[in-house]
Amino acid sequence: MPGAEKAAGALRTIGELAQEIGRPQHILRYWETRFPQLRPLTRAGNRRYYRPEDVALVRRIHDLLSNQGYTIRGVQKLLAAEKGSRAARAAAGTAAPGGEDKTGLQALRDSLAQALDEDS
């Protein structure tokens, strides 16, 4: 089916993703050597299949390099710093998935539950 769009959660081949971002396939293979976060599934014959999170990362890397003026090293540092800050927040148990303060949300929930109890 030429021209048929894949579902948002579908795996993308390296050819499909390279065409989507307008870069040759060898650039994507090079990025895999430079960004340890980028690990597509590999199948027989070393064929690469990119999951939705890989596709999002490739788009982000492409944007940072092409549109925002970052170097490869700059993008590596940025991604490493983001990974470190996410890991630190997760270890402290203070970050909810949306970035809200988890203890603050729990305190709000508790105060609302108390207010409902008092109202009854």
PDB file of N, CA and C in Angstrom:
ATOM      1  N   MET A   1       0.837  -1.175   0.000  1.00  0.00           N
ATOM      2  CA  MET A   1       0.000   0.000   0.000  1.00  0.00           C
ATOM      3  C   MET A   1       0.889   1.249   0.000  1.00  0.00           C
ATOM      4  N   PRO A   2       1.289   1.733  -1.131  1.00  0.00           N
ATOM      5  CA  PRO A   2       2.115   2.924  -1.164  1.00  0.00           C
ATOM      6  C   PRO A   2       1.365   4.131  -0.631  1.00  0.00           C
ATOM      7  N   GLY A   3       2.091   4.934   0.154  1.00  0.00           N
ATOM      8  CA  GLY A   3       1.496   6.154   0.689  1.00  0.00           C
ATOM      9  C   GLY A   3       0.658   5.944   1.934  1.00  0.00           C
ATOM     10  N   ALA A   4       0.455   4.677   2.345  1.00  0.00           N
ATOM     11  CA  ALA A   4      -0.341   4.428   3.538  1.00  0.00           C
ATOM     12  C   ALA A   4       0.474   4.792   4.776  1.00  0.00           C
ATOM     13  N   GLU A   5      -0.133   5.511   5.687  1.00  0.00           N
ATOM     14  CA  GLU A   5       0.536   5.923   6.914  1.00  0.00           C
ATOM     15  C   GLU A   5       0.452   4.805   7.936  1.00  0.00           C
ATOM     16  N   LYS A   6       1.532   4.636   8.695  1.00  0.00           N
ATOM     17  CA  LYS A   6       1.540   3.651   9.768  1.00  0.00           C
ATOM     18  C   LYS A   6       0.862   4.240  10.991  1.00  0.00           C
ATOM     19  N   ALA A   7       0.395   3.356  11.856  1.00  0.00           N
ATOM     20  CA  ALA A   7      -0.177   3.794  13.124  1.00  0.00           C
ATOM     21  C   ALA A   7       0.918   4.432  13.968  1.00  0.00           C
ATOM     22  N   ALA A   8       0.523   5.296  14.886  1.00  0.00           N
ATOM     23  CA  ALA A   8       1.489   6.029  15.702  1.00  0.00           C
ATOM     24  C   ALA A   8       2.409   5.098  16.484  1.00  0.00           C
ATOM     25  N   GLY A   9       1.905   3.961  16.951  1.00  0.00           N
ATOM     26  CA  GLY A   9       2.702   3.049  17.757  1.00  0.00           C
ATOM     27  C   GLY A   9       3.449   1.995  16.963  1.00  0.00           C
ATOM     28  N   ALA A  10       3.352   2.039  15.642  1.00  0.00           N
ATOM     29  CA  ALA A  10       3.983   1.013  14.808  1.00  0.00           C
ATOM     30  C   ALA A  10       5.494   1.197  14.757  1.00  0.00           C
ATOM     31  N   LEU A  11       6.188   0.080  14.584  1.00  0.00           N
ATOM     32  CA  LEU A  11       7.640   0.142  14.423  1.00  0.00           C
ATOM     33  C   LEU A  11       7.971   0.736  13.061  1.00  0.00           C
ATOM     34  N   ARG A  12       9.056   1.498  13.008  1.00  0.00           N
ATOM     35  CA  ARG A  12       9.512   2.096  11.757  1.00  0.00           C
ATOM     36  C   ARG A  12      10.831   1.434  11.354  1.00  0.00           C
ATOM     37  N   THR A  13      10.995   1.211  10.063  1.00  0.00           N
ATOM     38  CA  THR A  13      12.287   0.716   9.582  1.00  0.00           C
ATOM     39  C   THR A  13      13.231   1.897   9.495  1.00  0.00           C
ATOM     40  N   ILE A  14      14.513   1.606   9.366  1.00  0.00           N
ATOM     41  CA  ILE A  14      15.494   2.673   9.267  1.00  0.00           C
ATOM     42  C   ILE A  14      15.259   3.508   8.004  1.00  0.00           C
ATOM     43  N   GLY A  15      14.823   2.848   6.928  1.00  0.00           N
ATOM     44  CA  GLY A  15      14.541   3.567   5.688  1.00  0.00           C
ATOM     45  C   GLY A  15      13.379   4.540   5.844  1.00  0.00           C
ATOM     46  N   GLU A  16      12.325   4.085   6.510  1.00  0.00           N
ATOM     47  CA  GLU A  16      11.154   4.949   6.731  1.00  0.00           C
ATOM     48  C   GLU A  16      11.514   6.153   7.590  1.00  0.00           C
ATOM     49  N   LEU A  17      12.276   5.903   8.658  1.00  0.00           N
ATOM     50  CA  LEU A  17      12.634   6.989   9.559  1.00  0.00           C
ATOM     51  C   LEU A  17      13.606   7.956   8.891  1.00  0.00           C
ATOM     52  N   ALA A  18      14.564   7.425   8.142  1.00  0.00           N
ATOM     53  CA  ALA A  18      15.515   8.286   7.437  1.00  0.00           C
ATOM     54  C   ALA A  18      14.786   9.189   6.446  1.00  0.00           C
ATOM     55  N   GLN A  19      13.825   8.634   5.742  1.00  0.00           N
ATOM     56  CA  GLN A  19      13.067   9.428   4.784  1.00  0.00           C
ATOM     57  C   GLN A  19      12.224  10.484   5.498  1.00  0.00           C
ATOM     58  N   GLU A  20      11.637  10.115   6.636  1.00  0.00           N
ATOM     59  CA  GLU A  20      10.795  11.034   7.393  1.00  0.00           C
ATOM     60  C   GLU A  20      11.568  12.270   7.853  1.00  0.00           C
ATOM     61  N   ILE A  21      12.803  12.069   8.333  1.00  0.00           N
ATOM     62  CA  ILE A  21      13.563  13.221   8.833  1.00  0.00           C
ATOM     63  C   ILE A  21      14.459  13.841   7.763  1.00  0.00           C
ATOM     64  N   GLY A  22      14.524  13.218   6.599  1.00  0.00           N
ATOM     65  CA  GLY A  22      15.311  13.789   5.511  1.00  0.00           C
ATOM     66  C   GLY A  22      16.810  13.604   5.668  1.00  0.00           C
ATOM     67  N   ARG A  23      17.214  12.523   6.299  1.00  0.00           N
ATOM     68  CA  ARG A  23      18.635  12.212   6.477  1.00  0.00           C
ATOM     69  C   ARG A  23      18.892  10.830   5.907  1.00  0.00           C
ATOM     70  N   PRO A  24      20.117  10.570   5.431  1.00  0.00           N
ATOM     71  CA  PRO A  24      20.419   9.219   4.939  1.00  0.00           C
ATOM     72  C   PRO A  24      20.491   8.200   6.079  1.00  0.00           C
ATOM     73  N   GLN A  25      20.310   6.944   5.734  1.00  0.00           N
ATOM     74  CA  GLN A  25      20.295   5.878   6.724  1.00  0.00           C
ATOM     75  C   GLN A  25      21.614   5.778   7.490  1.00  0.00           C
ATOM     76  N   HIS A  26      22.730   6.048   6.823  1.00  0.00           N
ATOM     77  CA  HIS A  26      24.013   5.911   7.512  1.00  0.00           C
ATOM     78  C   HIS A  26      24.155   6.926   8.647  1.00  0.00           C
ATOM     79  N   ILE A  27      23.459   8.049   8.560  1.00  0.00           N
ATOM     80  CA  ILE A  27      23.487   9.032   9.638  1.00  0.00           C
ATOM     81  C   ILE A  27      22.799   8.459  10.871  1.00  0.00           C
ATOM     82  N   LEU A  28      21.676   7.775  10.681  1.00  0.00           N
ATOM     83  CA  LEU A  28      20.984   7.143  11.815  1.00  0.00           C
ATOM     84  C   LEU A  28      21.863   6.063  12.449  1.00  0.00           C
ATOM     85  N   ARG A  29      22.550   5.284  11.613  1.00  0.00           N
ATOM     86  CA  ARG A  29      23.451   4.266  12.164  1.00  0.00           C
ATOM     87  C   ARG A  29      24.597   4.929  12.932  1.00  0.00           C
ATOM     88  N   TYR A  30      25.098   6.055  12.432  1.00  0.00           N
ATOM     89  CA  TYR A  30      26.149   6.795  13.140  1.00  0.00           C
ATOM     90  C   TYR A  30      25.627   7.304  14.479  1.00  0.00           C
ATOM     91  N   TRP A  31      24.417   7.850  14.496  1.00  0.00           N
ATOM     92  CA  TRP A  31      23.844   8.363  15.746  1.00  0.00           C
ATOM     93  C   TRP A  31      23.744   7.250  16.787  1.00  0.00           C
ATOM     94  N   GLU A  32      23.459   6.020  16.344  1.00  0.00           N
ATOM     95  CA  GLU A  32      23.393   4.900  17.288  1.00  0.00           C
ATOM     96  C   GLU A  32      24.735   4.694  17.997  1.00  0.00           C
ATOM     97  N   THR A  33      25.837   5.000  17.315  1.00  0.00           N
ATOM     98  CA  THR A  33      27.153   4.848  17.941  1.00  0.00           C
ATOM     99  C   THR A  33      27.459   6.009  18.884  1.00  0.00           C
ATOM    100  N   ARG A  34      26.824   7.126  18.698  1.00  0.00           N
ATOM    101  CA  ARG A  34      27.099   8.321  19.489  1.00  0.00           C
ATOM    102  C   ARG A  34      26.133   8.535  20.649  1.00  0.00           C
ATOM    103  N   PHE A  35      24.938   7.989  20.549  1.00  0.00           N
ATOM    104  CA  PHE A  35      23.910   8.195  21.568  1.00  0.00           C
ATOM    105  C   PHE A  35      23.472   6.842  22.122  1.00  0.00           C
ATOM    106  N   PRO A  36      23.967   6.477  23.309  1.00  0.00           N
ATOM    107  CA  PRO A  36      23.624   5.158  23.859  1.00  0.00           C
ATOM    108  C   PRO A  36      22.132   5.003  24.155  1.00  0.00           C
ATOM    109  N   GLN A  37      21.408   6.123  24.251  1.00  0.00           N
ATOM    110  CA  GLN A  37      19.969   6.060  24.500  1.00  0.00           C
ATOM    111  C   GLN A  37      19.212   5.521  23.283  1.00  0.00           C
ATOM    112  N   LEU A  38      19.819   5.629  22.111  1.00  0.00           N
ATOM    113  CA  LEU A  38      19.173   5.224  20.862  1.00  0.00           C
ATOM    114  C   LEU A  38      19.529   3.771  20.569  1.00  0.00           C
ATOM    115  N   ARG A  39      18.594   2.880  20.861  1.00  0.00           N
ATOM    116  CA  ARG A  39      18.805   1.446  20.670  1.00  0.00           C
ATOM    117  C   ARG A  39      17.595   0.824  19.993  1.00  0.00           C
ATOM    118  N   PRO A  40      17.528   0.867  18.667  1.00  0.00           N
ATOM    119  CA  PRO A  40      16.390   0.238  17.982  1.00  0.00           C
ATOM    120  C   PRO A  40      16.474  -1.284  18.102  1.00  0.00           C
ATOM    121  N   LEU A  41      15.343  -1.918  17.895  1.00  0.00           N
ATOM    122  CA  LEU A  41      15.326  -3.383  17.868  1.00  0.00           C
ATOM    123  C   LEU A  41      16.072  -3.837  16.627  1.00  0.00           C
ATOM    124  N   THR A  42      16.828  -4.899  16.747  1.00  0.00           N
ATOM    125  CA  THR A  42      17.490  -5.455  15.566  1.00  0.00           C
ATOM    126  C   THR A  42      16.992  -6.877  15.364  1.00  0.00           C
ATOM    127  N   ARG A  43      16.747  -7.199  14.132  1.00  0.00           N
ATOM    128  CA  ARG A  43      16.243  -8.519  13.763  1.00  0.00           C
ATOM    129  C   ARG A  43      17.244  -9.213  12.847  1.00  0.00           C
ATOM    130  N   ALA A  44      16.847 -10.308  12.298  1.00  0.00           N
ATOM    131  CA  ALA A  44      17.712 -11.079  11.405  1.00  0.00           C
ATOM    132  C   ALA A  44      18.288 -10.174  10.320  1.00  0.00           C
ATOM    133  N   GLY A  45      19.540 -10.399   9.998  1.00  0.00           N
ATOM    134  CA  GLY A  45      20.169  -9.585   8.969  1.00  0.00           C
ATOM    135  C   GLY A  45      20.510  -8.194   9.471  1.00  0.00           C
ATOM    136  N   ASN A  46      20.462  -7.991  10.792  1.00  0.00           N
ATOM    137  CA  ASN A  46      20.778  -6.704  11.414  1.00  0.00           C
ATOM    138  C   ASN A  46      19.819  -5.589  10.978  1.00  0.00           C
ATOM    139  N   ARG A  47      18.587  -5.975  10.624  1.00  0.00           N
ATOM    140  CA  ARG A  47      17.584  -4.973  10.250  1.00  0.00           C
ATOM    141  C   ARG A  47      17.120  -4.238  11.495  1.00  0.00           C
ATOM    142  N   ARG A  48      17.022  -2.925  11.381  1.00  0.00           N
ATOM    143  CA  ARG A  48      16.661  -2.092  12.523  1.00  0.00           C
ATOM    144  C   ARG A  48      15.188  -1.714  12.460  1.00  0.00           C
ATOM    145  N   TYR A  49      14.550  -1.782  13.630  1.00  0.00           N
ATOM    146  CA  TYR A  49      13.165  -1.350  13.773  1.00  0.00           C
ATOM    147  C   TYR A  49      13.095  -0.387  14.949  1.00  0.00           C
ATOM    148  N   TYR A  50      12.609   0.793  14.670  1.00  0.00           N
ATOM    149  CA  TYR A  50      12.564   1.851  15.681  1.00  0.00           C
ATOM    150  C   TYR A  50      11.209   1.884  16.364  1.00  0.00           C
ATOM    151  N   ARG A  51      11.221   1.791  17.694  1.00  0.00           N
ATOM    152  CA  ARG A  51      10.011   1.900  18.510  1.00  0.00           C
ATOM    153  C   ARG A  51       9.592   3.365  18.562  1.00  0.00           C
ATOM    154  N   PRO A  52       8.359   3.662  18.996  1.00  0.00           N
ATOM    155  CA  PRO A  52       7.914   5.064  19.066  1.00  0.00           C
ATOM    156  C   PRO A  52       8.840   5.948  19.896  1.00  0.00           C
ATOM    157  N   GLU A  53       9.383   5.418  21.013  1.00  0.00           N
ATOM    158  CA  GLU A  53      10.291   6.244  21.826  1.00  0.00           C
ATOM    159  C   GLU A  53      11.615   6.488  21.102  1.00  0.00           C
ATOM    160  N   ASP A  54      12.053   5.526  20.266  1.00  0.00           N
ATOM    161  CA  ASP A  54      13.256   5.732  19.458  1.00  0.00           C
ATOM    162  C   ASP A  54      13.007   6.789  18.392  1.00  0.00           C
ATOM    163  N   VAL A  55      11.821   6.723  17.777  1.00  0.00           N
ATOM    164  CA  VAL A  55      11.455   7.703  16.754  1.00  0.00           C
ATOM    165  C   VAL A  55      11.451   9.108  17.359  1.00  0.00           C
ATOM    166  N   ALA A  56      10.872   9.243  18.559  1.00  0.00           N
ATOM    167  CA  ALA A  56      10.836  10.548  19.223  1.00  0.00           C
ATOM    168  C   ALA A  56      12.249  11.043  19.519  1.00  0.00           C
ATOM    169  N   LEU A  57      13.126  10.149  19.948  1.00  0.00           N
ATOM    170  CA  LEU A  57      14.504  10.535  20.241  1.00  0.00           C
ATOM    171  C   LEU A  57      15.230  10.956  18.966  1.00  0.00           C
ATOM    172  N   VAL A  58      15.048  10.228  17.879  1.00  0.00           N
ATOM    173  CA  VAL A  58      15.677  10.583  16.604  1.00  0.00           C
ATOM    174  C   VAL A  58      15.184  11.953  16.149  1.00  0.00           C
ATOM    175  N   ARG A  59      13.895  12.190  16.247  1.00  0.00           N
ATOM    176  CA  ARG A  59      13.362  13.503  15.858  1.00  0.00           C
ATOM    177  C   ARG A  59      13.977  14.614  16.710  1.00  0.00           C
ATOM    178  N   ARG A  60      14.123  14.345  18.002  1.00  0.00           N
ATOM    179  CA  ARG A  60      14.699  15.348  18.905  1.00  0.00           C
ATOM    180  C   ARG A  60      16.160  15.601  18.571  1.00  0.00           C
ATOM    181  N   ILE A  61      16.930  14.537  18.368  1.00  0.00           N
ATOM    182  CA  ILE A  61      18.338  14.690  18.000  1.00  0.00           C
ATOM    183  C   ILE A  61      18.450  15.474  16.700  1.00  0.00           C
ATOM    184  N   HIS A  62      17.631  15.113  15.733  1.00  0.00           N
ATOM    185  CA  HIS A  62      17.639  15.808  14.438  1.00  0.00           C
ATOM    186  C   HIS A  62      17.339  17.297  14.624  1.00  0.00           C
ATOM    187  N   ASP A  63      16.337  17.622  15.431  1.00  0.00           N
ATOM    188  CA  ASP A  63      15.975  19.016  15.671  1.00  0.00           C
ATOM    189  C   ASP A  63      17.115  19.767  16.360  1.00  0.00           C
ATOM    190  N   LEU A  64      17.698  19.163  17.382  1.00  0.00           N
ATOM    191  CA  LEU A  64      18.783  19.820  18.109  1.00  0.00           C
ATOM    192  C   LEU A  64      19.983  20.081  17.201  1.00  0.00           C
ATOM    193  N   LEU A  65      20.308  19.122  16.342  1.00  0.00           N
ATOM    194  CA  LEU A  65      21.457  19.271  15.456  1.00  0.00           C
ATOM    195  C   LEU A  65      21.164  20.204  14.283  1.00  0.00           C
ATOM    196  N   SER A  66      20.003  20.067  13.681  1.00  0.00           N
ATOM    197  CA  SER A  66      19.696  20.803  12.457  1.00  0.00           C
ATOM    198  C   SER A  66      19.129  22.198  12.691  1.00  0.00           C
ATOM    199  N   ASN A  67      18.249  22.326  13.672  1.00  0.00           N
ATOM    200  CA  ASN A  67      17.526  23.581  13.847  1.00  0.00           C
ATOM    201  C   ASN A  67      18.030  24.436  15.007  1.00  0.00           C
ATOM    202  N   GLN A  68      18.566  23.790  16.036  1.00  0.00           N
ATOM    203  CA  GLN A  68      18.945  24.546  17.222  1.00  0.00           C
ATOM    204  C   GLN A  68      20.448  24.767  17.344  1.00  0.00           C
ATOM    205  N   GLY A  69      21.216  24.262  16.394  1.00  0.00           N
ATOM    206  CA  GLY A  69      22.639  24.557  16.349  1.00  0.00           C
ATOM    207  C   GLY A  69      23.524  23.781  17.305  1.00  0.00           C
ATOM    208  N   TYR A  70      23.034  22.705  17.877  1.00  0.00           N
ATOM    209  CA  TYR A  70      23.856  21.890  18.765  1.00  0.00           C
ATOM    210  C   TYR A  70      24.868  21.072  17.954  1.00  0.00           C
ATOM    211  N   THR A  71      25.972  20.734  18.596  1.00  0.00           N
ATOM    212  CA  THR A  71      26.930  19.782  18.033  1.00  0.00           C
ATOM    213  C   THR A  71      26.580  18.402  18.573  1.00  0.00           C
ATOM    214  N   ILE A  72      27.196  17.373  18.003  1.00  0.00           N
ATOM    215  CA  ILE A  72      26.974  16.010  18.509  1.00  0.00           C
ATOM    216  C   ILE A  72      27.321  15.970  19.997  1.00  0.00           C
ATOM    217  N   ARG A  73      28.474  16.541  20.351  1.00  0.00           N
ATOM    218  CA  ARG A  73      28.909  16.544  21.753  1.00  0.00           C
ATOM    219  C   ARG A  73      27.923  17.312  22.628  1.00  0.00           C
ATOM    220  N   GLY A  74      27.391  18.409  22.119  1.00  0.00           N
ATOM    221  CA  GLY A  74      26.423  19.193  22.878  1.00  0.00           C
ATOM    222  C   GLY A  74      25.141  18.417  23.144  1.00  0.00           C
ATOM    223  N   VAL A  75      24.669  17.687  22.141  1.00  0.00           N
ATOM    224  CA  VAL A  75      23.461  16.872  22.312  1.00  0.00           C
ATOM    225  C   VAL A  75      23.738  15.742  23.295  1.00  0.00           C
ATOM    226  N   GLN A  76      24.939  15.141  23.224  1.00  0.00           N
ATOM    227  CA  GLN A  76      25.296  14.079  24.171  1.00  0.00           C
ATOM    228  C   GLN A  76      25.246  14.602  25.601  1.00  0.00           C
ATOM    229  N   LYS A  77      25.811  15.773  25.811  1.00  0.00           N
ATOM    230  CA  LYS A  77      25.813  16.358  27.162  1.00  0.00           C
ATOM    231  C   LYS A  77      24.400  16.678  27.623  1.00  0.00           C
ATOM    232  N   LEU A  78      23.597  17.228  26.735  1.00  0.00           N
ATOM    233  CA  LEU A  78      22.212  17.576  27.078  1.00  0.00           C
ATOM    234  C   LEU A  78      21.421  16.334  27.469  1.00  0.00           C
ATOM    235  N   LEU A  79      21.503  15.286  26.668  1.00  0.00           N
ATOM    236  CA  LEU A  79      20.759  14.059  26.962  1.00  0.00           C
ATOM    237  C   LEU A  79      21.264  13.400  28.239  1.00  0.00           C
ATOM    238  N   ALA A  80      22.587  13.424  28.464  1.00  0.00           N
ATOM    239  CA  ALA A  80      23.145  12.843  29.684  1.00  0.00           C
ATOM    240  C   ALA A  80      22.689  13.626  30.912  1.00  0.00           C
ATOM    241  N   ALA A  81      22.646  14.942  30.799  1.00  0.00           N
ATOM    242  CA  ALA A  81      22.204  15.773  31.928  1.00  0.00           C
ATOM    243  C   ALA A  81      20.732  15.526  32.238  1.00  0.00           C
ATOM    244  N   GLU A  82      19.918  15.401  31.203  1.00  0.00           N
ATOM    245  CA  GLU A  82      18.491  15.126  31.407  1.00  0.00           C
ATOM    246  C   GLU A  82      18.297  13.765  32.045  1.00  0.00           C
ATOM    247  N   LYS A  83      19.065  12.789  31.605  1.00  0.00           N
ATOM    248  CA  LYS A  83      18.966  11.446  32.188  1.00  0.00           C
ATOM    249  C   LYS A  83      19.367  11.485  33.655  1.00  0.00           C
ATOM    250  N   GLY A  84      20.412  12.225  33.975  1.00  0.00           N
ATOM    251  CA  GLY A  84      20.864  12.348  35.346  1.00  0.00           C
ATOM    252  C   GLY A  84      19.856  13.022  36.241  1.00  0.00           C
ATOM    253  N   SER A  85      19.222  14.082  35.754  1.00  0.00           N
ATOM    254  CA  SER A  85      18.239  14.781  36.582  1.00  0.00           C
ATOM    255  C   SER A  85      16.982  13.936  36.780  1.00  0.00           C
ATOM    256  N   ARG A  86      16.587  13.172  35.762  1.00  0.00           N
ATOM    257  CA  ARG A  86      15.433  12.276  35.914  1.00  0.00           C
ATOM    258  C   ARG A  86      15.747  11.177  36.914  1.00  0.00           C
ATOM    259  N   ALA A  87      16.967  10.626  36.848  1.00  0.00           N
ATOM    260  CA  ALA A  87      17.356   9.561  37.766  1.00  0.00           C
ATOM    261  C   ALA A  87      17.418  10.077  39.200  1.00  0.00           C
ATOM    262  N   ALA A  88      17.921  11.293  39.378  1.00  0.00           N
ATOM    263  CA  ALA A  88      18.013  11.864  40.725  1.00  0.00           C
ATOM    264  C   ALA A  88      16.624  12.103  41.303  1.00  0.00           C
ATOM    265  N   ARG A  89      15.707  12.622  40.482  1.00  0.00           N
ATOM    266  CA  ARG A  89      14.334  12.843  40.965  1.00  0.00           C
ATOM    267  C   ARG A  89      13.657  11.525  41.291  1.00  0.00           C
ATOM    268  N   ALA A  90      13.875  10.506  40.467  1.00  0.00           N
ATOM    269  CA  ALA A  90      13.260   9.199  40.723  1.00  0.00           C
ATOM    270  C   ALA A  90      13.820   8.581  41.998  1.00  0.00           C
ATOM    271  N   ALA A  91      15.117   8.725  42.225  1.00  0.00           N
ATOM    272  CA  ALA A  91      15.735   8.172  43.428  1.00  0.00           C
ATOM    273  C   ALA A  91      15.224   8.878  44.674  1.00  0.00           C
ATOM    274  N   ALA A  92      14.977  10.179  44.560  1.00  0.00           N
ATOM    275  CA  ALA A  92      14.468  10.940  45.699  1.00  0.00           C
ATOM    276  C   ALA A  92      12.972  10.702  45.897  1.00  0.00           C
ATOM    277  N   GLY A  93      12.302  10.168  44.864  1.00  0.00           N
ATOM    278  CA  GLY A  93      10.867   9.890  44.960  1.00  0.00           C
ATOM    279  C   GLY A  93      10.012  11.133  44.950  1.00  0.00           C
ATOM    280  N   THR A  94      10.547  12.221  44.401  1.00  0.00           N
ATOM    281  CA  THR A  94       9.791  13.474  44.427  1.00  0.00           C
ATOM    282  C   THR A  94       9.196  13.844  43.088  1.00  0.00           C
ATOM    283  N   ALA A  95       9.539  13.140  42.041  1.00  0.00           N
ATOM    284  CA  ALA A  95       9.038  13.535  40.729  1.00  0.00           C
ATOM    285  C   ALA A  95       7.963  12.583  40.257  1.00  0.00           C
ATOM    286  N   ALA A  96       6.825  13.136  39.943  1.00  0.00           N
ATOM    287  CA  ALA A  96       5.760  12.365  39.321  1.00  0.00           C
ATOM    288  C   ALA A  96       6.006  12.391  37.815  1.00  0.00           C
ATOM    289  N   PRO A  97       5.363  11.512  37.037  1.00  0.00           N
ATOM    290  CA  PRO A  97       5.606  11.476  35.603  1.00  0.00           C
ATOM    291  C   PRO A  97       5.417  12.822  34.914  1.00  0.00           C
ATOM    292  N   GLY A  98       4.488  13.619  35.340  1.00  0.00           N
ATOM    293  CA  GLY A  98       4.257  14.912  34.705  1.00  0.00           C
ATOM    294  C   GLY A  98       5.170  15.994  35.221  1.00  0.00           C
ATOM    295  N   GLY A  99       6.077  15.658  36.140  1.00  0.00           N
ATOM    296  CA  GLY A  99       7.006  16.631  36.664  1.00  0.00           C
ATOM    297  C   GLY A  99       6.514  17.323  37.933  1.00  0.00           C
ATOM    298  N   GLU A 100       5.327  16.989  38.408  1.00  0.00           N
ATOM    299  CA  GLU A 100       4.811  17.620  39.614  1.00  0.00           C
ATOM    300  C   GLU A 100       5.530  17.064  40.828  1.00  0.00           C
ATOM    301  N   ASP A 101       5.477  17.819  41.924  1.00  0.00           N
ATOM    302  CA  ASP A 101       6.064  17.356  43.173  1.00  0.00           C
ATOM    303  C   ASP A 101       5.122  16.328  43.777  1.00  0.00           C
ATOM    304  N   LYS A 102       5.613  15.113  43.943  1.00  0.00           N
ATOM    305  CA  LYS A 102       4.773  14.004  44.396  1.00  0.00           C
ATOM    306  C   LYS A 102       4.269  14.231  45.822  1.00  0.00           C
ATOM    307  N   THR A 103       5.143  14.692  46.709  1.00  0.00           N
ATOM    308  CA  THR A 103       4.716  14.896  48.091  1.00  0.00           C
ATOM    309  C   THR A 103       3.679  16.012  48.179  1.00  0.00           C
ATOM    310  N   GLY A 104       3.808  17.023  47.343  1.00  0.00           N
ATOM    311  CA  GLY A 104       2.819  18.102  47.317  1.00  0.00           C
ATOM    312  C   GLY A 104       1.451  17.601  46.886  1.00  0.00           C
ATOM    313  N   LEU A 105       1.432  16.714  45.900  1.00  0.00           N
ATOM    314  CA  LEU A 105       0.164  16.143  45.439  1.00  0.00           C
ATOM    315  C   LEU A 105      -0.457  15.260  46.521  1.00  0.00           C
ATOM    316  N   GLN A 106       0.383  14.505  47.224  1.00  0.00           N
ATOM    317  CA  GLN A 106      -0.137  13.657  48.296  1.00  0.00           C
ATOM    318  C   GLN A 106      -0.707  14.503  49.432  1.00  0.00           C
ATOM    319  N   ALA A 107      -0.037  15.600  49.761  1.00  0.00           N
ATOM    320  CA  ALA A 107      -0.531  16.492  50.813  1.00  0.00           C
ATOM    321  C   ALA A 107      -1.866  17.115  50.404  1.00  0.00           C
ATOM    322  N   LEU A 108      -1.975  17.510  49.147  1.00  0.00           N
ATOM    323  CA  LEU A 108      -3.225  18.076  48.649  1.00  0.00           C
ATOM    324  C   LEU A 108      -4.341  17.042  48.716  1.00  0.00           C
ATOM    325  N   ARG A 109      -4.044  15.803  48.301  1.00  0.00           N
ATOM    326  CA  ARG A 109      -5.037  14.731  48.362  1.00  0.00           C
ATOM    327  C   ARG A 109      -5.503  14.500  49.791  1.00  0.00           C
ATOM    328  N   ASP A 110      -4.550  14.474  50.722  1.00  0.00           N
ATOM    329  CA  ASP A 110      -4.891  14.237  52.126  1.00  0.00           C
ATOM    330  C   ASP A 110      -5.755  15.364  52.691  1.00  0.00           C
ATOM    331  N   SER A 111      -5.418  16.611  52.323  1.00  0.00           N
ATOM    332  CA  SER A 111      -6.218  17.734  52.843  1.00  0.00           C
ATOM    333  C   SER A 111      -7.627  17.728  52.251  1.00  0.00           C
ATOM    334  N   LEU A 112      -7.752  17.339  50.983  1.00  0.00           N
ATOM    335  CA  LEU A 112      -9.082  17.245  50.368  1.00  0.00           C
ATOM    336  C   LEU A 112      -9.898  16.119  51.018  1.00  0.00           C
ATOM    337  N   ALA A 113      -9.246  14.987  51.286  1.00  0.00           N
ATOM    338  CA  ALA A 113      -9.950  13.878  51.938  1.00  0.00           C
ATOM    339  C   ALA A 113     -10.395  14.284  53.322  1.00  0.00           C
ATOM    340  N   GLN A 114      -9.564  15.026  54.060  1.00  0.00           N
ATOM    341  CA  GLN A 114      -9.924  15.485  55.387  1.00  0.00           C
ATOM    342  C   GLN A 114     -11.114  16.463  55.332  1.00  0.00           C
ATOM    343  N   ALA A 115     -11.098  17.357  54.338  1.00  0.00           N
ATOM    344  CA  ALA A 115     -12.180  18.324  54.177  1.00  0.00           C
ATOM    345  C   ALA A 115     -13.495  17.597  53.864  1.00  0.00           C
ATOM    346  N   LEU A 116     -13.430  16.555  53.061  1.00  0.00           N
ATOM    347  CA  LEU A 116     -14.636  15.790  52.759  1.00  0.00           C
ATOM    348  C   LEU A 116     -15.151  15.074  53.981  1.00  0.00           C
ATOM    349  N   ASP A 117     -14.257  14.526  54.801  1.00  0.00           N
ATOM    350  CA  ASP A 117     -14.653  13.854  56.029  1.00  0.00           C
ATOM    351  C   ASP A 117     -15.329  14.825  56.995  1.00  0.00           C
ATOM    352  N   GLU A 118     -14.756  16.028  57.102  1.00  0.00           N
ATOM    353  CA  GLU A 118     -15.314  17.031  58.016  1.00  0.00           C
ATOM    354  C   GLU A 118     -16.679  17.530  57.533  1.00  0.00           C
ATOM    355  N   ASP A 119     -16.844  17.541  56.212  1.00  0.00           N
ATOM    356  CA  ASP A 119     -18.091  18.038  55.616  1.00  0.00           C
ATOM    357  C   ASP A 119     -19.237  17.034  55.813  1.00  0.00           C
ATOM    358  N   SER A 120     -18.918  15.761  55.960  1.00  0.00           N
ATOM    359  CA  SER A 120     -19.943  14.727  56.039  1.00  0.00           C
ATOM    360  C   SER A 120     -20.605  14.682  57.388  1.00  0.00           C
TER     361      SER A 120
END
